[in-house]
Amino acid sequence: MVRQWFFVLMVSIGCAPAVFAESPTRHLHLALADMERISSDMYFIGYQSVELSQPDQYGVKKYMVLDFRFAGQLAHKDTDAQVRRICRRVLDNPVLLKDLSSMGYEMVSVAFDEAEQFDCL
């Protein structure tokens, strides 16, 4: 009887990491949900995955665009500061970077409208 319980316990422990492990997609959604709290006048709309075919040996380049909007008008001089602020939030999150990398993303960009996007370098 003790052996059977020991076996069940060992199998349960062995399966636990697979059961409780969170997928990179889940980590990504949780980390990006945190973007909504960057500031009171800036709103995180969502993100878009973009794949571009490269004419070189690397094939397809995959990147993520983080889309934000402002309650008011964003002054041009404030754009750089906001891009740095958002990019720093992404780059300072090693779990997010690892998940993005494992999902094939090579770059993250920030957009405040449909006309422009800014790369996090």
PDB file of N, CA and C in Angstrom:
ATOM      1  N   MET A   1       0.826  -1.191   0.000  1.00  0.00           N
ATOM      2  CA  MET A   1       0.000   0.000   0.000  1.00  0.00           C
ATOM      3  C   MET A   1       0.872   1.257   0.000  1.00  0.00           C
ATOM      4  N   VAL A   2       1.898   1.260   0.842  1.00  0.00           N
ATOM      5  CA  VAL A   2       2.801   2.405   0.914  1.00  0.00           C
ATOM      6  C   VAL A   2       3.509   2.590  -0.418  1.00  0.00           C
ATOM      7  N   ARG A   3       3.877   1.484  -1.056  1.00  0.00           N
ATOM      8  CA  ARG A   3       4.548   1.563  -2.353  1.00  0.00           C
ATOM      9  C   ARG A   3       3.642   2.200  -3.407  1.00  0.00           C
ATOM     10  N   GLN A   4       2.362   1.845  -3.387  1.00  0.00           N
ATOM     11  CA  GLN A   4       1.433   2.407  -4.360  1.00  0.00           C
ATOM     12  C   GLN A   4       1.286   3.914  -4.167  1.00  0.00           C
ATOM     13  N   TRP A   5       1.166   4.353  -2.929  1.00  0.00           N
ATOM     14  CA  TRP A   5       1.057   5.790  -2.661  1.00  0.00           C
ATOM     15  C   TRP A   5       2.336   6.505  -3.060  1.00  0.00           C
ATOM     16  N   PHE A   6       3.463   5.873  -2.778  1.00  0.00           N
ATOM     17  CA  PHE A   6       4.746   6.464  -3.158  1.00  0.00           C
ATOM     18  C   PHE A   6       4.814   6.615  -4.677  1.00  0.00           C
ATOM     19  N   PHE A   7       4.391   5.587  -5.413  1.00  0.00           N
ATOM     20  CA  PHE A   7       4.388   5.637  -6.870  1.00  0.00           C
ATOM     21  C   PHE A   7       3.471   6.754  -7.377  1.00  0.00           C
ATOM     22  N   VAL A   8       2.264   6.836  -6.828  1.00  0.00           N
ATOM     23  CA  VAL A   8       1.315   7.882  -7.229  1.00  0.00           C
ATOM     24  C   VAL A   8       1.889   9.266  -6.937  1.00  0.00           C
ATOM     25  N   LEU A   9       2.510   9.410  -5.782  1.00  0.00           N
ATOM     26  CA  LEU A   9       3.115  10.685  -5.412  1.00  0.00           C
ATOM     27  C   LEU A   9       4.233  11.061  -6.376  1.00  0.00           C
ATOM     28  N   MET A  10       5.091  10.120  -6.710  1.00  0.00           N
ATOM     29  CA  MET A  10       6.206  10.397  -7.612  1.00  0.00           C
ATOM     30  C   MET A  10       5.714  10.745  -9.017  1.00  0.00           C
ATOM     31  N   VAL A  11       4.712  10.043  -9.487  1.00  0.00           N
ATOM     32  CA  VAL A  11       4.155  10.351 -10.805  1.00  0.00           C
ATOM     33  C   VAL A  11       3.526  11.739 -10.795  1.00  0.00           C
ATOM     34  N   SER A  12       2.826  12.068  -9.723  1.00  0.00           N
ATOM     35  CA  SER A  12       2.201  13.395  -9.610  1.00  0.00           C
ATOM     36  C   SER A  12       3.239  14.494  -9.607  1.00  0.00           C
ATOM     37  N   ILE A  13       4.300  14.304  -8.861  1.00  0.00           N
ATOM     38  CA  ILE A  13       5.367  15.308  -8.807  1.00  0.00           C
ATOM     39  C   ILE A  13       6.042  15.428 -10.160  1.00  0.00           C
ATOM     40  N   GLY A  14       6.248  14.312 -10.817  1.00  0.00           N
ATOM     41  CA  GLY A  14       6.882  14.330 -12.136  1.00  0.00           C
ATOM     42  C   GLY A  14       6.049  15.042 -13.182  1.00  0.00           C
ATOM     43  N   CYS A  15       4.747  14.962 -13.064  1.00  0.00           N
ATOM     44  CA  CYS A  15       3.855  15.607 -14.034  1.00  0.00           C
ATOM     45  C   CYS A  15       3.569  17.063 -13.693  1.00  0.00           C
ATOM     46  N   ALA A  16       3.831  17.460 -12.483  1.00  0.00           N
ATOM     47  CA  ALA A  16       3.479  18.813 -12.044  1.00  0.00           C
ATOM     48  C   ALA A  16       4.096  19.908 -12.893  1.00  0.00           C
ATOM     49  N   PRO A  17       5.396  19.855 -13.234  1.00  0.00           N
ATOM     50  CA  PRO A  17       5.936  20.946 -14.046  1.00  0.00           C
ATOM     51  C   PRO A  17       5.224  21.101 -15.380  1.00  0.00           C
ATOM     52  N   ALA A  18       4.850  20.002 -16.002  1.00  0.00           N
ATOM     53  CA  ALA A  18       4.158  20.093 -17.286  1.00  0.00           C
ATOM     54  C   ALA A  18       2.755  20.653 -17.123  1.00  0.00           C
ATOM     55  N   VAL A  19       2.103  20.308 -16.041  1.00  0.00           N
ATOM     56  CA  VAL A  19       0.737  20.770 -15.807  1.00  0.00           C
ATOM     57  C   VAL A  19       0.715  22.243 -15.447  1.00  0.00           C
ATOM     58  N   PHE A  20       1.643  22.654 -14.582  1.00  0.00           N
ATOM     59  CA  PHE A  20       1.629  24.019 -14.078  1.00  0.00           C
ATOM     60  C   PHE A  20       2.469  24.992 -14.898  1.00  0.00           C
ATOM     61  N   ALA A  21       3.225  24.504 -15.860  1.00  0.00           N
ATOM     62  CA  ALA A  21       4.055  25.390 -16.676  1.00  0.00           C
ATOM     63  C   ALA A  21       3.152  26.287 -17.515  1.00  0.00           C
ATOM     64  N   GLU A  22       3.499  27.558 -17.558  1.00  0.00           N
ATOM     65  CA  GLU A  22       2.721  28.487 -18.365  1.00  0.00           C
ATOM     66  C   GLU A  22       3.364  28.602 -19.738  1.00  0.00           C
ATOM     67  N   SER A  23       2.553  28.704 -20.735  1.00  0.00           N
ATOM     68  CA  SER A  23       3.058  28.805 -22.093  1.00  0.00           C
ATOM     69  C   SER A  23       3.631  30.199 -22.325  1.00  0.00           C
ATOM     70  N   PRO A  24       4.542  30.319 -23.310  1.00  0.00           N
ATOM     71  CA  PRO A  24       5.052  31.652 -23.650  1.00  0.00           C
ATOM     72  C   PRO A  24       3.936  32.619 -24.027  1.00  0.00           C
ATOM     73  N   THR A  25       2.889  32.108 -24.665  1.00  0.00           N
ATOM     74  CA  THR A  25       1.775  32.972 -25.051  1.00  0.00           C
ATOM     75  C   THR A  25       1.085  33.547 -23.822  1.00  0.00           C
ATOM     76  N   ARG A  26       0.915  32.735 -22.796  1.00  0.00           N
ATOM     77  CA  ARG A  26       0.284  33.217 -21.553  1.00  0.00           C
ATOM     78  C   ARG A  26       1.155  34.277 -20.893  1.00  0.00           C
ATOM     79  N   HIS A  27       2.469  34.028 -20.817  1.00  0.00           N
ATOM     80  CA  HIS A  27       3.386  35.023 -20.257  1.00  0.00           C
ATOM     81  C   HIS A  27       3.306  36.318 -21.056  1.00  0.00           C
ATOM     82  N   LEU A  28       3.249  36.173 -22.369  1.00  0.00           N
ATOM     83  CA  LEU A  28       3.176  37.338 -23.242  1.00  0.00           C
ATOM     84  C   LEU A  28       1.932  38.160 -22.947  1.00  0.00           C
ATOM     85  N   HIS A  29       0.790  37.513 -22.848  1.00  0.00           N
ATOM     86  CA  HIS A  29      -0.461  38.225 -22.562  1.00  0.00           C
ATOM     87  C   HIS A  29      -0.418  38.901 -21.192  1.00  0.00           C
ATOM     88  N   LEU A  30       0.153  38.229 -20.204  1.00  0.00           N
ATOM     89  CA  LEU A  30       0.250  38.826 -18.865  1.00  0.00           C
ATOM     90  C   LEU A  30       1.181  40.033 -18.867  1.00  0.00           C
ATOM     91  N   ALA A  31       2.318  39.904 -19.526  1.00  0.00           N
ATOM     92  CA  ALA A  31       3.277  41.012 -19.569  1.00  0.00           C
ATOM     93  C   ALA A  31       2.713  42.198 -20.338  1.00  0.00           C
ATOM     94  N   LEU A  32       2.023  41.926 -21.426  1.00  0.00           N
ATOM     95  CA  LEU A  32       1.455  43.018 -22.214  1.00  0.00           C
ATOM     96  C   LEU A  32       0.264  43.649 -21.514  1.00  0.00           C
ATOM     97  N   ALA A  33      -0.451  42.888 -20.717  1.00  0.00           N
ATOM     98  CA  ALA A  33      -1.547  43.464 -19.931  1.00  0.00           C
ATOM     99  C   ALA A  33      -1.002  44.499 -18.960  1.00  0.00           C
ATOM    100  N   ASP A  34       0.222  44.296 -18.513  1.00  0.00           N
ATOM    101  CA  ASP A  34       0.876  45.245 -17.618  1.00  0.00           C
ATOM    102  C   ASP A  34       1.162  46.573 -18.323  1.00  0.00           C
ATOM    103  N   MET A  35       1.209  46.568 -19.646  1.00  0.00           N
ATOM    104  CA  MET A  35       1.450  47.791 -20.420  1.00  0.00           C
ATOM    105  C   MET A  35       0.311  48.791 -20.255  1.00  0.00           C
ATOM    106  N   GLU A  36      -0.863  48.306 -19.917  1.00  0.00           N
ATOM    107  CA  GLU A  36      -2.018  49.190 -19.769  1.00  0.00           C
ATOM    108  C   GLU A  36      -1.835  50.184 -18.633  1.00  0.00           C
ATOM    109  N   ARG A  37      -0.919  49.904 -17.738  1.00  0.00           N
ATOM    110  CA  ARG A  37      -0.729  50.762 -16.566  1.00  0.00           C
ATOM    111  C   ARG A  37       0.507  51.657 -16.682  1.00  0.00           C
ATOM    112  N   ILE A  38       0.912  51.996 -17.880  1.00  0.00           N
ATOM    113  CA  ILE A  38       2.093  52.839 -18.045  1.00  0.00           C
ATOM    114  C   ILE A  38       1.807  54.265 -17.606  1.00  0.00           C
ATOM    115  N   SER A  39       0.710  54.845 -18.050  1.00  0.00           N
ATOM    116  CA  SER A  39       0.346  56.195 -17.606  1.00  0.00           C
ATOM    117  C   SER A  39      -1.155  56.395 -17.774  1.00  0.00           C
ATOM    118  N   SER A  40      -1.649  57.439 -17.137  1.00  0.00           N
ATOM    119  CA  SER A  40      -3.095  57.677 -17.165  1.00  0.00           C
ATOM    120  C   SER A  40      -3.570  58.292 -18.481  1.00  0.00           C
ATOM    121  N   ASP A  41      -2.661  58.929 -19.240  1.00  0.00           N
ATOM    122  CA  ASP A  41      -3.079  59.566 -20.487  1.00  0.00           C
ATOM    123  C   ASP A  41      -2.740  58.741 -21.726  1.00  0.00           C
ATOM    124  N   MET A  42      -2.120  57.585 -21.537  1.00  0.00           N
ATOM    125  CA  MET A  42      -1.733  56.732 -22.653  1.00  0.00           C
ATOM    126  C   MET A  42      -2.444  55.387 -22.512  1.00  0.00           C
ATOM    127  N   TYR A  43      -3.045  54.923 -23.592  1.00  0.00           N
ATOM    128  CA  TYR A  43      -3.833  53.697 -23.560  1.00  0.00           C
ATOM    129  C   TYR A  43      -3.216  52.635 -24.459  1.00  0.00           C
ATOM    130  N   PHE A  44      -3.032  51.445 -23.918  1.00  0.00           N
ATOM    131  CA  PHE A  44      -2.538  50.316 -24.696  1.00  0.00           C
ATOM    132  C   PHE A  44      -3.716  49.718 -25.443  1.00  0.00           C
ATOM    133  N   ILE A  45      -3.672  49.782 -26.760  1.00  0.00           N
ATOM    134  CA  ILE A  45      -4.752  49.279 -27.602  1.00  0.00           C
ATOM    135  C   ILE A  45      -4.607  47.768 -27.815  1.00  0.00           C
ATOM    136  N   GLY A  46      -3.387  47.331 -28.028  1.00  0.00           N
ATOM    137  CA  GLY A  46      -3.131  45.917 -28.280  1.00  0.00           C
ATOM    138  C   GLY A  46      -1.819  45.742 -29.014  1.00  0.00           C
ATOM    139  N   TYR A  47      -1.635  44.565 -29.561  1.00  0.00           N
ATOM    140  CA  TYR A  47      -0.409  44.305 -30.303  1.00  0.00           C
ATOM    141  C   TYR A  47      -0.737  43.546 -31.570  1.00  0.00           C
ATOM    142  N   GLN A  48       0.203  43.619 -32.498  1.00  0.00           N
ATOM    143  CA  GLN A  48       0.030  42.938 -33.766  1.00  0.00           C
ATOM    144  C   GLN A  48       1.338  42.249 -34.121  1.00  0.00           C
ATOM    145  N   SER A  49       1.234  41.043 -34.593  1.00  0.00           N
ATOM    146  CA  SER A  49       2.390  40.300 -35.056  1.00  0.00           C
ATOM    147  C   SER A  49       2.544  40.550 -36.552  1.00  0.00           C
ATOM    148  N   VAL A  50       3.754  40.918 -36.963  1.00  0.00           N
ATOM    149  CA  VAL A  50       4.012  41.230 -38.365  1.00  0.00           C
ATOM    150  C   VAL A  50       5.153  40.346 -38.853  1.00  0.00           C
ATOM    151  N   GLU A  51       4.979  39.767 -40.020  1.00  0.00           N
ATOM    152  CA  GLU A  51       6.030  38.968 -40.641  1.00  0.00           C
ATOM    153  C   GLU A  51       6.355  39.573 -41.994  1.00  0.00           C
ATOM    154  N   LEU A  52       7.635  39.856 -42.203  1.00  0.00           N
ATOM    155  CA  LEU A  52       8.101  40.412 -43.464  1.00  0.00           C
ATOM    156  C   LEU A  52       9.048  39.427 -44.125  1.00  0.00           C
ATOM    157  N   SER A  53       8.835  39.172 -45.390  1.00  0.00           N
ATOM    158  CA  SER A  53       9.760  38.318 -46.129  1.00  0.00           C
ATOM    159  C   SER A  53      11.021  39.106 -46.428  1.00  0.00           C
ATOM    160  N   GLN A  54      12.151  38.504 -46.140  1.00  0.00           N
ATOM    161  CA  GLN A  54      13.441  39.145 -46.395  1.00  0.00           C
ATOM    162  C   GLN A  54      14.036  38.564 -47.680  1.00  0.00           C
ATOM    163  N   PRO A  55      14.616  39.409 -48.522  1.00  0.00           N
ATOM    164  CA  PRO A  55      15.212  38.895 -49.756  1.00  0.00           C
ATOM    165  C   PRO A  55      16.605  38.293 -49.539  1.00  0.00           C
ATOM    166  N   ASP A  56      16.956  37.997 -48.314  1.00  0.00           N
ATOM    167  CA  ASP A  56      18.274  37.434 -48.033  1.00  0.00           C
ATOM    168  C   ASP A  56      18.130  36.013 -47.493  1.00  0.00           C
ATOM    169  N   GLN A  57      19.186  35.486 -46.958  1.00  0.00           N
ATOM    170  CA  GLN A  57      19.192  34.098 -46.482  1.00  0.00           C
ATOM    171  C   GLN A  57      18.366  33.888 -45.226  1.00  0.00           C
ATOM    172  N   TYR A  58      17.942  34.951 -44.551  1.00  0.00           N
ATOM    173  CA  TYR A  58      17.249  34.799 -43.282  1.00  0.00           C
ATOM    174  C   TYR A  58      15.757  34.534 -43.428  1.00  0.00           C
ATOM    175  N   GLY A  59      15.226  34.700 -44.617  1.00  0.00           N
ATOM    176  CA  GLY A  59      13.823  34.357 -44.849  1.00  0.00           C
ATOM    177  C   GLY A  59      12.839  35.369 -44.314  1.00  0.00           C
ATOM    178  N   VAL A  60      12.124  35.013 -43.253  1.00  0.00           N
ATOM    179  CA  VAL A  60      11.057  35.852 -42.716  1.00  0.00           C
ATOM    180  C   VAL A  60      11.513  36.520 -41.429  1.00  0.00           C
ATOM    181  N   LYS A  61      11.223  37.810 -41.323  1.00  0.00           N
ATOM    182  CA  LYS A  61      11.517  38.561 -40.106  1.00  0.00           C
ATOM    183  C   LYS A  61      10.190  38.785 -39.387  1.00  0.00           C
ATOM    184  N   LYS A  62      10.135  38.392 -38.125  1.00  0.00           N
ATOM    185  CA  LYS A  62       8.898  38.503 -37.358  1.00  0.00           C
ATOM    186  C   LYS A  62       9.095  39.537 -36.252  1.00  0.00           C
ATOM    187  N   TYR A  63       8.175  40.479 -36.176  1.00  0.00           N
ATOM    188  CA  TYR A  63       8.251  41.455 -35.094  1.00  0.00           C
ATOM    189  C   TYR A  63       6.865  41.786 -34.570  1.00  0.00           C
ATOM    190  N   MET A  64       6.864  42.381 -33.385  1.00  0.00           N
ATOM    191  CA  MET A  64       5.616  42.727 -32.722  1.00  0.00           C
ATOM    192  C   MET A  64       5.493  44.242 -32.646  1.00  0.00           C
ATOM    193  N   VAL A  65       4.312  44.744 -32.981  1.00  0.00           N
ATOM    194  CA  VAL A  65       4.027  46.172 -32.861  1.00  0.00           C
ATOM    195  C   VAL A  65       3.086  46.360 -31.677  1.00  0.00           C
ATOM    196  N   LEU A  66       3.524  47.151 -30.703  1.00  0.00           N
ATOM    197  CA  LEU A  66       2.694  47.511 -29.553  1.00  0.00           C
ATOM    198  C   LEU A  66       1.985  48.811 -29.902  1.00  0.00           C
ATOM    199  N   ASP A  67       0.670  48.809 -29.854  1.00  0.00           N
ATOM    200  CA  ASP A  67      -0.130  49.942 -30.311  1.00  0.00           C
ATOM    201  C   ASP A  67      -0.703  50.710 -29.121  1.00  0.00           C
ATOM    202  N   PHE A  68      -0.407  52.006 -29.073  1.00  0.00           N
ATOM    203  CA  PHE A  68      -0.874  52.892 -28.006  1.00  0.00           C
ATOM    204  C   PHE A  68      -1.596  54.087 -28.605  1.00  0.00           C
ATOM    205  N   ARG A  69      -2.475  54.678 -27.824  1.00  0.00           N
ATOM    206  CA  ARG A  69      -3.131  55.936 -28.182  1.00  0.00           C
ATOM    207  C   ARG A  69      -3.097  56.848 -26.966  1.00  0.00           C
ATOM    208  N   PHE A  70      -3.181  58.139 -27.227  1.00  0.00           N
ATOM    209  CA  PHE A  70      -3.165  59.136 -26.157  1.00  0.00           C
ATOM    210  C   PHE A  70      -4.522  59.794 -26.027  1.00  0.00           C
ATOM    211  N   ALA A  71      -4.832  60.198 -24.802  1.00  0.00           N
ATOM    212  CA  ALA A  71      -6.100  60.886 -24.535  1.00  0.00           C
ATOM    213  C   ALA A  71      -6.125  62.225 -25.262  1.00  0.00           C
ATOM    214  N   GLY A  72      -5.005  62.907 -25.288  1.00  0.00           N
ATOM    215  CA  GLY A  72      -4.894  64.192 -25.970  1.00  0.00           C
ATOM    216  C   GLY A  72      -3.922  64.084 -27.129  1.00  0.00           C
ATOM    217  N   GLN A  73      -3.414  65.216 -27.547  1.00  0.00           N
ATOM    218  CA  GLN A  73      -2.443  65.271 -28.629  1.00  0.00           C
ATOM    219  C   GLN A  73      -1.046  65.067 -28.063  1.00  0.00           C
ATOM    220  N   LEU A  74      -0.264  64.206 -28.671  1.00  0.00           N
ATOM    221  CA  LEU A  74       1.110  63.963 -28.239  1.00  0.00           C
ATOM    222  C   LEU A  74       2.028  64.937 -28.953  1.00  0.00           C
ATOM    223  N   ALA A  75       2.767  65.723 -28.180  1.00  0.00           N
ATOM    224  CA  ALA A  75       3.736  66.643 -28.772  1.00  0.00           C
ATOM    225  C   ALA A  75       4.870  65.837 -29.386  1.00  0.00           C
ATOM    226  N   HIS A  76       5.371  66.298 -30.524  1.00  0.00           N
ATOM    227  CA  HIS A  76       6.427  65.573 -31.229  1.00  0.00           C
ATOM    228  C   HIS A  76       7.651  65.352 -30.343  1.00  0.00           C
ATOM    229  N   LYS A  77       7.983  66.335 -29.522  1.00  0.00           N
ATOM    230  CA  LYS A  77       9.159  66.208 -28.653  1.00  0.00           C
ATOM    231  C   LYS A  77       8.963  65.141 -27.575  1.00  0.00           C
ATOM    232  N   ASP A  78       7.713  64.829 -27.245  1.00  0.00           N
ATOM    233  CA  ASP A  78       7.428  63.808 -26.230  1.00  0.00           C
ATOM    234  C   ASP A  78       7.429  62.389 -26.796  1.00  0.00           C
ATOM    235  N   THR A  79       7.398  62.278 -28.105  1.00  0.00           N
ATOM    236  CA  THR A  79       7.334  60.959 -28.732  1.00  0.00           C
ATOM    237  C   THR A  79       8.529  60.100 -28.347  1.00  0.00           C
ATOM    238  N   ASP A  80       9.747  60.655 -28.466  1.00  0.00           N
ATOM    239  CA  ASP A  80      10.953  59.887 -28.133  1.00  0.00           C
ATOM    240  C   ASP A  80      10.941  59.412 -26.689  1.00  0.00           C
ATOM    241  N   ALA A  81      10.523  60.274 -25.789  1.00  0.00           N
ATOM    242  CA  ALA A  81      10.487  59.904 -24.371  1.00  0.00           C
ATOM    243  C   ALA A  81       9.491  58.772 -24.129  1.00  0.00           C
ATOM    244  N   GLN A  82       8.344  58.821 -24.778  1.00  0.00           N
ATOM    245  CA  GLN A  82       7.342  57.768 -24.602  1.00  0.00           C
ATOM    246  C   GLN A  82       7.815  56.445 -25.204  1.00  0.00           C
ATOM    247  N   VAL A  83       8.472  56.517 -26.366  1.00  0.00           N
ATOM    248  CA  VAL A  83       9.011  55.301 -26.985  1.00  0.00           C
ATOM    249  C   VAL A  83      10.055  54.681 -26.071  1.00  0.00           C
ATOM    250  N   ARG A  84      10.964  55.496 -25.540  1.00  0.00           N
ATOM    251  CA  ARG A  84      11.988  54.980 -24.612  1.00  0.00           C
ATOM    252  C   ARG A  84      11.345  54.359 -23.382  1.00  0.00           C
ATOM    253  N   ARG A  85      10.328  54.994 -22.874  1.00  0.00           N
ATOM    254  CA  ARG A  85       9.632  54.503 -21.673  1.00  0.00           C
ATOM    255  C   ARG A  85       9.007  53.125 -21.915  1.00  0.00           C
ATOM    256  N   ILE A  86       8.335  52.978 -23.034  1.00  0.00           N
ATOM    257  CA  ILE A  86       7.695  51.705 -23.370  1.00  0.00           C
ATOM    258  C   ILE A  86       8.744  50.634 -23.666  1.00  0.00           C
ATOM    259  N   CYS A  87       9.737  50.994 -24.469  1.00  0.00           N
ATOM    260  CA  CYS A  87      10.782  50.027 -24.821  1.00  0.00           C
ATOM    261  C   CYS A  87      11.546  49.569 -23.583  1.00  0.00           C
ATOM    262  N   ARG A  88      11.818  50.481 -22.678  1.00  0.00           N
ATOM    263  CA  ARG A  88      12.525  50.118 -21.444  1.00  0.00           C
ATOM    264  C   ARG A  88      11.697  49.113 -20.651  1.00  0.00           C
ATOM    265  N   ARG A  89      10.403  49.290 -20.655  1.00  0.00           N
ATOM    266  CA  ARG A  89       9.505  48.366 -19.944  1.00  0.00           C
ATOM    267  C   ARG A  89       9.593  46.962 -20.540  1.00  0.00           C
ATOM    268  N   VAL A  90       9.714  46.889 -21.857  1.00  0.00           N
ATOM    269  CA  VAL A  90       9.849  45.592 -22.528  1.00  0.00           C
ATOM    270  C   VAL A  90      11.234  45.008 -22.278  1.00  0.00           C
ATOM    271  N   LEU A  91      12.268  45.819 -22.491  1.00  0.00           N
ATOM    272  CA  LEU A  91      13.646  45.329 -22.399  1.00  0.00           C
ATOM    273  C   LEU A  91      14.068  44.979 -20.981  1.00  0.00           C
ATOM    274  N   ASP A  92      13.421  45.548 -19.990  1.00  0.00           N
ATOM    275  CA  ASP A  92      13.746  45.238 -18.592  1.00  0.00           C
ATOM    276  C   ASP A  92      13.007  44.001 -18.073  1.00  0.00           C
ATOM    277  N   ASN A  93      12.258  43.344 -18.930  1.00  0.00           N
ATOM    278  CA  ASN A  93      11.501  42.157 -18.531  1.00  0.00           C
ATOM    279  C   ASN A  93      12.117  40.919 -19.195  1.00  0.00           C
ATOM    280  N   PRO A  94      13.055  40.237 -18.509  1.00  0.00           N
ATOM    281  CA  PRO A  94      13.741  39.101 -19.136  1.00  0.00           C
ATOM    282  C   PRO A  94      12.810  37.945 -19.500  1.00  0.00           C
ATOM    283  N   VAL A  95      11.759  37.734 -18.729  1.00  0.00           N
ATOM    284  CA  VAL A  95      10.812  36.653 -19.050  1.00  0.00           C
ATOM    285  C   VAL A  95      10.085  36.974 -20.351  1.00  0.00           C
ATOM    286  N   LEU A  96       9.661  38.215 -20.498  1.00  0.00           N
ATOM    287  CA  LEU A  96       8.987  38.632 -21.728  1.00  0.00           C
ATOM    288  C   LEU A  96       9.924  38.489 -22.924  1.00  0.00           C
ATOM    289  N   LEU A  97      11.177  38.930 -22.778  1.00  0.00           N
ATOM    290  CA  LEU A  97      12.135  38.819 -23.877  1.00  0.00           C
ATOM    291  C   LEU A  97      12.370  37.362 -24.269  1.00  0.00           C
ATOM    292  N   LYS A  98      12.486  36.512 -23.279  1.00  0.00           N
ATOM    293  CA  LYS A  98      12.688  35.082 -23.553  1.00  0.00           C
ATOM    294  C   LYS A  98      11.479  34.504 -24.286  1.00  0.00           C
ATOM    295  N   ASP A  99      10.287  34.869 -23.840  1.00  0.00           N
ATOM    296  CA  ASP A  99       9.068  34.364 -24.477  1.00  0.00           C
ATOM    297  C   ASP A  99       8.931  34.878 -25.909  1.00  0.00           C
ATOM    298  N   LEU A 100       9.229  36.153 -26.112  1.00  0.00           N
ATOM    299  CA  LEU A 100       9.172  36.704 -27.467  1.00  0.00           C
ATOM    300  C   LEU A 100      10.158  35.977 -28.373  1.00  0.00           C
ATOM    301  N   SER A 101      11.354  35.753 -27.864  1.00  0.00           N
ATOM    302  CA  SER A 101      12.371  35.055 -28.640  1.00  0.00           C
ATOM    303  C   SER A 101      11.944  33.625 -28.961  1.00  0.00           C
ATOM    304  N   SER A 102      11.395  32.927 -27.981  1.00  0.00           N
ATOM    305  CA  SER A 102      10.972  31.538 -28.214  1.00  0.00           C
ATOM    306  C   SER A 102       9.797  31.462 -29.185  1.00  0.00           C
ATOM    307  N   MET A 103       9.046  32.549 -29.299  1.00  0.00           N
ATOM    308  CA  MET A 103       7.921  32.589 -30.236  1.00  0.00           C
ATOM    309  C   MET A 103       8.355  33.086 -31.617  1.00  0.00           C
ATOM    310  N   GLY A 104       9.664  33.369 -31.773  1.00  0.00           N
ATOM    311  CA  GLY A 104      10.200  33.746 -33.073  1.00  0.00           C
ATOM    312  C   GLY A 104      10.270  35.231 -33.349  1.00  0.00           C
ATOM    313  N   TYR A 105       9.981  36.068 -32.358  1.00  0.00           N
ATOM    314  CA  TYR A 105      10.045  37.512 -32.571  1.00  0.00           C
ATOM    315  C   TYR A 105      11.492  37.990 -32.519  1.00  0.00           C
ATOM    316  N   GLU A 106      11.843  38.861 -33.460  1.00  0.00           N
ATOM    317  CA  GLU A 106      13.189  39.411 -33.517  1.00  0.00           C
ATOM    318  C   GLU A 106      13.243  40.864 -33.068  1.00  0.00           C
ATOM    319  N   MET A 107      12.091  41.529 -33.049  1.00  0.00           N
ATOM    320  CA  MET A 107      12.084  42.953 -32.749  1.00  0.00           C
ATOM    321  C   MET A 107      10.713  43.356 -32.209  1.00  0.00           C
ATOM    322  N   VAL A 108      10.719  44.435 -31.427  1.00  0.00           N
ATOM    323  CA  VAL A 108       9.479  45.028 -30.919  1.00  0.00           C
ATOM    324  C   VAL A 108       9.449  46.481 -31.369  1.00  0.00           C
ATOM    325  N   SER A 109       8.307  46.916 -31.856  1.00  0.00           N
ATOM    326  CA  SER A 109       8.113  48.302 -32.270  1.00  0.00           C
ATOM    327  C   SER A 109       6.937  48.897 -31.513  1.00  0.00           C
ATOM    328  N   VAL A 110       6.917  50.224 -31.449  1.00  0.00           N
ATOM    329  CA  VAL A 110       5.859  50.962 -30.762  1.00  0.00           C
ATOM    330  C   VAL A 110       5.174  51.864 -31.784  1.00  0.00           C
ATOM    331  N   ALA A 111       3.846  51.903 -31.758  1.00  0.00           N
ATOM    332  CA  ALA A 111       3.087  52.777 -32.652  1.00  0.00           C
ATOM    333  C   ALA A 111       2.090  53.591 -31.840  1.00  0.00           C
ATOM    334  N   PHE A 112       1.940  54.859 -32.229  1.00  0.00           N
ATOM    335  CA  PHE A 112       0.955  55.737 -31.597  1.00  0.00           C
ATOM    336  C   PHE A 112      -0.169  56.092 -32.563  1.00  0.00           C
ATOM    337  N   ASP A 113       0.003  55.726 -33.820  1.00  0.00           N
ATOM    338  CA  ASP A 113      -1.017  55.931 -34.844  1.00  0.00           C
ATOM    339  C   ASP A 113      -0.743  54.944 -35.978  1.00  0.00           C
ATOM    340  N   GLU A 114      -1.534  55.018 -37.031  1.00  0.00           N
ATOM    341  CA  GLU A 114      -1.364  54.093 -38.146  1.00  0.00           C
ATOM    342  C   GLU A 114      -0.247  54.510 -39.086  1.00  0.00           C
ATOM    343  N   ALA A 115       0.273  55.722 -38.937  1.00  0.00           N
ATOM    344  CA  ALA A 115       1.251  56.249 -39.879  1.00  0.00           C
ATOM    345  C   ALA A 115       2.696  55.893 -39.544  1.00  0.00           C
ATOM    346  N   GLU A 116       3.037  55.805 -38.263  1.00  0.00           N
ATOM    347  CA  GLU A 116       4.435  55.604 -37.881  1.00  0.00           C
ATOM    348  C   GLU A 116       4.574  54.524 -36.825  1.00  0.00           C
ATOM    349  N   GLN A 117       5.752  53.916 -36.824  1.00  0.00           N
ATOM    350  CA  GLN A 117       6.116  53.030 -35.726  1.00  0.00           C
ATOM    351  C   GLN A 117       7.590  53.242 -35.424  1.00  0.00           C
ATOM    352  N   PHE A 118       7.956  52.980 -34.186  1.00  0.00           N
ATOM    353  CA  PHE A 118       9.309  53.217 -33.699  1.00  0.00           C
ATOM    354  C   PHE A 118       9.856  51.917 -33.132  1.00  0.00           C
ATOM    355  N   ASP A 119      11.073  51.560 -33.549  1.00  0.00           N
ATOM    356  CA  ASP A 119      11.672  50.299 -33.119  1.00  0.00           C
ATOM    357  C   ASP A 119      12.344  50.433 -31.766  1.00  0.00           C
ATOM    358  N   CYS A 120      12.209  49.389 -30.956  1.00  0.00           N
ATOM    359  CA  CYS A 120      12.952  49.284 -29.699  1.00  0.00           C
ATOM    360  C   CYS A 120      14.286  48.633 -30.043  1.00  0.00           C
ATOM    361  N   LEU A 121      15.361  49.359 -29.884  1.00  0.00           N
ATOM    362  CA  LEU A 121      16.683  48.821 -30.240  1.00  0.00           C
ATOM    363  C   LEU A 121      17.460  48.434 -29.016  1.00  0.00           C
TER     364      LEU A 121
END
